[in-house]
């Protein structure tokens, strides 16, 4: 089955909306040549393999409430996210240098 990716949807959102489980994001990503961390474009088709198990309880709830998860952020929202600094957020070889 082919579904269209909505605005601000991630592969996790697609898996949740169409299979009822985020665990299926890996199978969907592989089937479409995506990475689970890819930024997806609205309107892009995504194949949902038929062999993927579905959680019908979640799917029925989402359909009844007309829920379409879209957890991505816009460029404007990205500018509002504070840059985290300090020892707890440093990465070796990136922002923390060992000499």
N, C-alpha and C. Protein backbone atom coordinates (compact mmCIF):
# COMPACT_ATOMS: atom_id res chain seq x y z
N UNK A 1 0.85 -1.16 0.00
CA UNK A 1 0.00 0.00 0.00
C UNK A 1 0.91 1.24 0.00
N UNK A 2 0.55 2.23 -0.77
CA UNK A 2 1.32 3.47 -0.84
C UNK A 2 0.55 4.57 -0.13
N UNK A 3 1.24 5.28 0.74
CA UNK A 3 0.65 6.40 1.49
C UNK A 3 1.46 7.66 1.18
N UNK A 4 0.84 8.80 1.33
CA UNK A 4 1.50 10.07 1.09
C UNK A 4 1.94 10.67 2.43
N UNK A 5 3.19 11.09 2.47
CA UNK A 5 3.74 11.69 3.69
C UNK A 5 3.17 13.10 3.85
N UNK A 6 2.72 13.38 5.06
CA UNK A 6 2.14 14.68 5.38
C UNK A 6 3.21 15.66 5.84
N UNK A 7 2.85 16.94 5.90
CA UNK A 7 3.77 17.97 6.35
C UNK A 7 4.28 17.68 7.77
N UNK A 8 5.56 17.80 7.98
CA UNK A 8 6.24 17.60 9.27
C UNK A 8 6.20 16.17 9.79
N UNK A 9 5.91 15.19 8.94
CA UNK A 9 5.92 13.80 9.40
C UNK A 9 7.32 13.22 9.29
N UNK A 10 7.67 12.44 10.31
CA UNK A 10 8.91 11.67 10.30
C UNK A 10 8.55 10.23 9.95
N UNK A 11 9.55 9.39 9.75
CA UNK A 11 9.29 7.98 9.47
C UNK A 11 8.58 7.32 10.66
N UNK A 12 8.85 7.80 11.87
CA UNK A 12 8.15 7.28 13.05
C UNK A 12 6.66 7.62 12.99
N UNK A 13 6.34 8.85 12.57
CA UNK A 13 4.94 9.26 12.43
C UNK A 13 4.22 8.39 11.40
N UNK A 14 4.88 8.14 10.27
CA UNK A 14 4.29 7.34 9.20
C UNK A 14 4.01 5.92 9.71
N UNK A 15 4.99 5.34 10.39
CA UNK A 15 4.82 3.99 10.93
C UNK A 15 3.67 3.94 11.93
N UNK A 16 3.60 4.91 12.79
CA UNK A 16 2.54 4.95 13.81
C UNK A 16 1.17 5.13 13.16
N UNK A 17 1.06 6.04 12.22
CA UNK A 17 -0.23 6.32 11.60
C UNK A 17 -0.74 5.15 10.77
N UNK A 18 0.15 4.46 10.07
CA UNK A 18 -0.31 3.46 9.11
C UNK A 18 -0.16 2.01 9.57
N UNK A 19 0.58 1.81 10.69
CA UNK A 19 0.70 0.44 11.20
C UNK A 19 0.36 0.34 12.68
N UNK A 20 0.30 1.48 13.38
CA UNK A 20 -0.02 1.47 14.80
C UNK A 20 1.17 1.18 15.68
N UNK A 21 2.38 1.13 15.13
CA UNK A 21 3.56 0.81 15.93
C UNK A 21 4.80 1.51 15.36
N UNK A 22 5.55 2.20 16.22
CA UNK A 22 6.78 2.85 15.76
C UNK A 22 7.86 1.83 15.43
N UNK A 23 7.73 0.61 15.96
CA UNK A 23 8.72 -0.43 15.67
C UNK A 23 8.80 -0.75 14.18
N UNK A 24 7.74 -0.46 13.45
CA UNK A 24 7.71 -0.75 12.02
C UNK A 24 8.45 0.28 11.18
N UNK A 25 8.97 1.33 11.80
CA UNK A 25 9.66 2.38 11.04
C UNK A 25 10.86 1.81 10.28
N UNK A 26 11.53 0.81 10.85
CA UNK A 26 12.71 0.24 10.19
C UNK A 26 12.32 -0.48 8.90
N UNK A 27 11.26 -1.27 8.94
CA UNK A 27 10.81 -1.99 7.75
C UNK A 27 10.33 -1.01 6.68
N UNK A 28 9.64 0.04 7.09
CA UNK A 28 9.16 1.06 6.14
C UNK A 28 10.34 1.81 5.54
N UNK A 29 11.30 2.17 6.36
CA UNK A 29 12.48 2.87 5.87
C UNK A 29 13.24 2.02 4.85
N UNK A 30 13.44 0.75 5.15
CA UNK A 30 14.16 -0.14 4.23
C UNK A 30 13.39 -0.28 2.92
N UNK A 31 12.08 -0.46 3.00
CA UNK A 31 11.26 -0.64 1.81
C UNK A 31 11.28 0.57 0.88
N UNK A 32 11.55 1.75 1.45
CA UNK A 32 11.53 2.99 0.66
C UNK A 32 12.91 3.59 0.43
N UNK A 33 13.95 2.94 0.93
CA UNK A 33 15.30 3.48 0.76
C UNK A 33 15.55 4.71 1.62
N UNK A 34 14.80 4.83 2.73
CA UNK A 34 14.98 5.95 3.66
C UNK A 34 15.88 5.51 4.81
N UNK A 35 16.39 6.50 5.52
CA UNK A 35 17.00 6.29 6.81
C UNK A 35 15.96 6.70 7.85
N UNK A 36 16.00 6.11 9.04
CA UNK A 36 15.02 6.48 10.05
C UNK A 36 15.19 7.93 10.50
N UNK A 37 16.33 8.53 10.20
CA UNK A 37 16.56 9.92 10.61
C UNK A 37 16.37 10.91 9.46
N UNK A 38 15.95 10.44 8.29
CA UNK A 38 15.75 11.34 7.15
C UNK A 38 14.64 12.35 7.43
N UNK A 39 14.82 13.55 6.91
CA UNK A 39 13.76 14.56 6.92
C UNK A 39 12.92 14.31 5.67
N UNK A 40 11.67 13.99 5.86
CA UNK A 40 10.80 13.62 4.74
C UNK A 40 10.06 14.84 4.22
N UNK A 41 9.83 14.87 2.93
CA UNK A 41 9.11 15.97 2.29
C UNK A 41 7.63 15.62 2.18
N UNK A 42 6.79 16.62 2.45
CA UNK A 42 5.35 16.43 2.30
C UNK A 42 5.02 16.09 0.86
N UNK A 43 4.11 15.16 0.67
CA UNK A 43 3.70 14.75 -0.66
C UNK A 43 4.49 13.58 -1.22
N UNK A 44 5.56 13.20 -0.56
CA UNK A 44 6.38 12.08 -0.99
C UNK A 44 5.63 10.77 -0.75
N UNK A 45 5.59 9.87 -1.74
CA UNK A 45 4.92 8.59 -1.51
C UNK A 45 5.79 7.66 -0.67
N UNK A 46 5.16 6.87 0.16
CA UNK A 46 5.87 5.89 0.98
C UNK A 46 5.12 4.57 0.89
N UNK A 47 5.84 3.52 0.51
CA UNK A 47 5.25 2.19 0.45
C UNK A 47 5.24 1.58 1.84
N UNK A 48 4.09 1.07 2.24
CA UNK A 48 3.95 0.37 3.52
C UNK A 48 3.81 -1.11 3.17
N UNK A 49 4.86 -1.92 3.41
CA UNK A 49 4.78 -3.34 3.04
C UNK A 49 3.61 -4.05 3.72
N UNK A 50 2.96 -4.93 2.99
CA UNK A 50 1.79 -5.66 3.50
C UNK A 50 2.16 -6.62 4.62
N UNK A 51 3.41 -7.12 4.63
CA UNK A 51 3.80 -8.12 5.63
C UNK A 51 4.01 -7.54 7.03
N UNK A 52 4.03 -6.21 7.15
CA UNK A 52 4.26 -5.58 8.45
C UNK A 52 3.06 -5.83 9.36
N UNK A 53 3.32 -6.31 10.60
CA UNK A 53 2.20 -6.51 11.52
C UNK A 53 1.61 -5.17 11.94
N UNK A 54 0.30 -5.14 12.12
CA UNK A 54 -0.38 -3.90 12.48
C UNK A 54 -1.02 -4.03 13.85
N UNK A 55 -1.00 -2.94 14.60
CA UNK A 55 -1.68 -2.87 15.90
C UNK A 55 -3.05 -2.26 15.63
N UNK A 56 -4.06 -3.09 15.50
CA UNK A 56 -5.38 -2.60 15.11
C UNK A 56 -6.02 -1.72 16.18
N UNK A 57 -5.69 -1.93 17.45
CA UNK A 57 -6.24 -1.06 18.50
C UNK A 57 -5.80 0.38 18.29
N UNK A 58 -4.52 0.57 18.03
CA UNK A 58 -3.99 1.93 17.80
C UNK A 58 -4.55 2.49 16.51
N UNK A 59 -4.56 1.70 15.45
CA UNK A 59 -5.09 2.17 14.16
C UNK A 59 -6.55 2.58 14.26
N UNK A 60 -7.36 1.78 14.94
CA UNK A 60 -8.78 2.12 15.11
C UNK A 60 -8.95 3.41 15.90
N UNK A 61 -8.14 3.59 16.94
CA UNK A 61 -8.21 4.81 17.74
C UNK A 61 -7.82 6.03 16.89
N UNK A 62 -6.71 5.92 16.16
CA UNK A 62 -6.26 7.03 15.32
C UNK A 62 -7.30 7.37 14.26
N UNK A 63 -7.89 6.36 13.65
CA UNK A 63 -8.90 6.60 12.63
C UNK A 63 -10.16 7.23 13.22
N UNK A 64 -10.59 6.74 14.38
CA UNK A 64 -11.80 7.28 15.02
C UNK A 64 -11.62 8.74 15.42
N UNK A 65 -10.43 9.10 15.90
CA UNK A 65 -10.15 10.46 16.36
C UNK A 65 -9.56 11.34 15.25
N UNK A 66 -9.36 10.75 14.06
CA UNK A 66 -8.76 11.46 12.91
C UNK A 66 -7.39 12.04 13.27
N UNK A 67 -6.58 11.22 13.95
CA UNK A 67 -5.24 11.64 14.36
C UNK A 67 -4.25 11.33 13.24
N UNK A 68 -3.45 12.33 12.88
CA UNK A 68 -2.39 12.18 11.89
C UNK A 68 -1.11 12.74 12.51
N UNK A 69 -0.31 11.90 13.15
CA UNK A 69 0.88 12.42 13.84
C UNK A 69 1.85 13.10 12.90
N UNK A 70 2.38 14.22 13.34
CA UNK A 70 3.38 14.98 12.59
C UNK A 70 4.25 15.70 13.62
N UNK A 71 5.31 15.05 14.03
CA UNK A 71 6.14 15.58 15.12
C UNK A 71 7.34 16.39 14.66
N UNK A 72 7.49 16.57 13.36
CA UNK A 72 8.62 17.34 12.86
C UNK A 72 8.48 18.81 13.22
N UNK A 73 9.57 19.54 13.08
CA UNK A 73 9.54 20.97 13.37
C UNK A 73 9.75 21.76 12.08
N UNK A 74 9.30 22.97 12.09
CA UNK A 74 9.51 23.86 10.95
C UNK A 74 10.81 24.63 11.17
N UNK A 75 11.27 25.31 10.15
CA UNK A 75 12.50 26.11 10.28
C UNK A 75 12.33 27.18 11.34
N UNK A 76 11.12 27.76 11.43
CA UNK A 76 10.87 28.79 12.45
C UNK A 76 10.99 28.20 13.85
N UNK A 77 10.44 27.00 14.04
CA UNK A 77 10.53 26.35 15.34
C UNK A 77 11.96 25.96 15.67
N UNK A 78 12.74 25.56 14.66
CA UNK A 78 14.13 25.19 14.89
C UNK A 78 14.91 26.37 15.46
N UNK A 79 14.58 27.58 15.01
CA UNK A 79 15.28 28.77 15.51
C UNK A 79 14.91 29.08 16.95
N UNK A 80 13.76 28.57 17.42
CA UNK A 80 13.32 28.82 18.78
C UNK A 80 13.93 27.83 19.78
N UNK A 81 14.49 26.73 19.28
CA UNK A 81 15.07 25.71 20.16
C UNK A 81 16.40 26.23 20.68
N UNK A 82 16.58 26.30 22.00
CA UNK A 82 17.84 26.82 22.54
C UNK A 82 19.00 25.87 22.26
N UNK A 83 20.17 26.44 22.04
CA UNK A 83 21.38 25.64 21.87
C UNK A 83 21.83 25.22 23.26
N UNK A 84 21.92 23.93 23.48
CA UNK A 84 22.32 23.41 24.78
C UNK A 84 23.84 23.35 24.85
N UNK A 85 24.37 23.86 25.93
CA UNK A 85 25.82 23.90 26.11
C UNK A 85 26.17 23.35 27.48
N UNK A 86 27.41 23.03 27.64
CA UNK A 86 27.88 22.56 28.92
C UNK A 86 28.41 21.15 28.83
N UNK A 87 28.99 20.68 29.90
CA UNK A 87 29.66 19.39 29.92
C UNK A 87 28.70 18.24 29.60
N UNK A 88 27.44 18.36 29.97
CA UNK A 88 26.48 17.29 29.70
C UNK A 88 26.09 17.18 28.24
N UNK A 89 26.42 18.17 27.42
CA UNK A 89 26.01 18.17 26.02
C UNK A 89 27.19 18.17 25.06
N UNK A 90 28.39 18.06 25.58
CA UNK A 90 29.58 18.06 24.73
C UNK A 90 29.81 16.68 24.13
N UNK A 91 30.41 16.66 22.96
CA UNK A 91 30.74 15.43 22.27
C UNK A 91 32.23 15.37 22.03
N UNK A 92 32.83 14.23 22.31
CA UNK A 92 34.25 14.05 22.07
C UNK A 92 34.54 14.26 20.59
N UNK A 93 35.58 15.01 20.29
CA UNK A 93 35.98 15.26 18.93
C UNK A 93 35.14 16.29 18.19
N UNK A 94 34.07 16.74 18.81
CA UNK A 94 33.21 17.73 18.16
C UNK A 94 33.31 19.05 18.91
N UNK A 95 32.74 19.08 20.12
CA UNK A 95 32.78 20.30 20.91
C UNK A 95 33.67 20.17 22.15
N UNK A 96 34.14 18.97 22.39
CA UNK A 96 35.01 18.71 23.55
C UNK A 96 36.31 18.15 23.02
N UNK A 97 37.39 18.87 23.23
CA UNK A 97 38.68 18.45 22.68
C UNK A 97 39.56 17.87 23.78
N UNK A 98 40.15 16.73 23.45
CA UNK A 98 41.07 16.06 24.39
C UNK A 98 42.48 16.26 23.82
N UNK A 99 43.38 16.78 24.69
CA UNK A 99 44.76 16.98 24.21
C UNK A 99 45.73 16.30 25.12
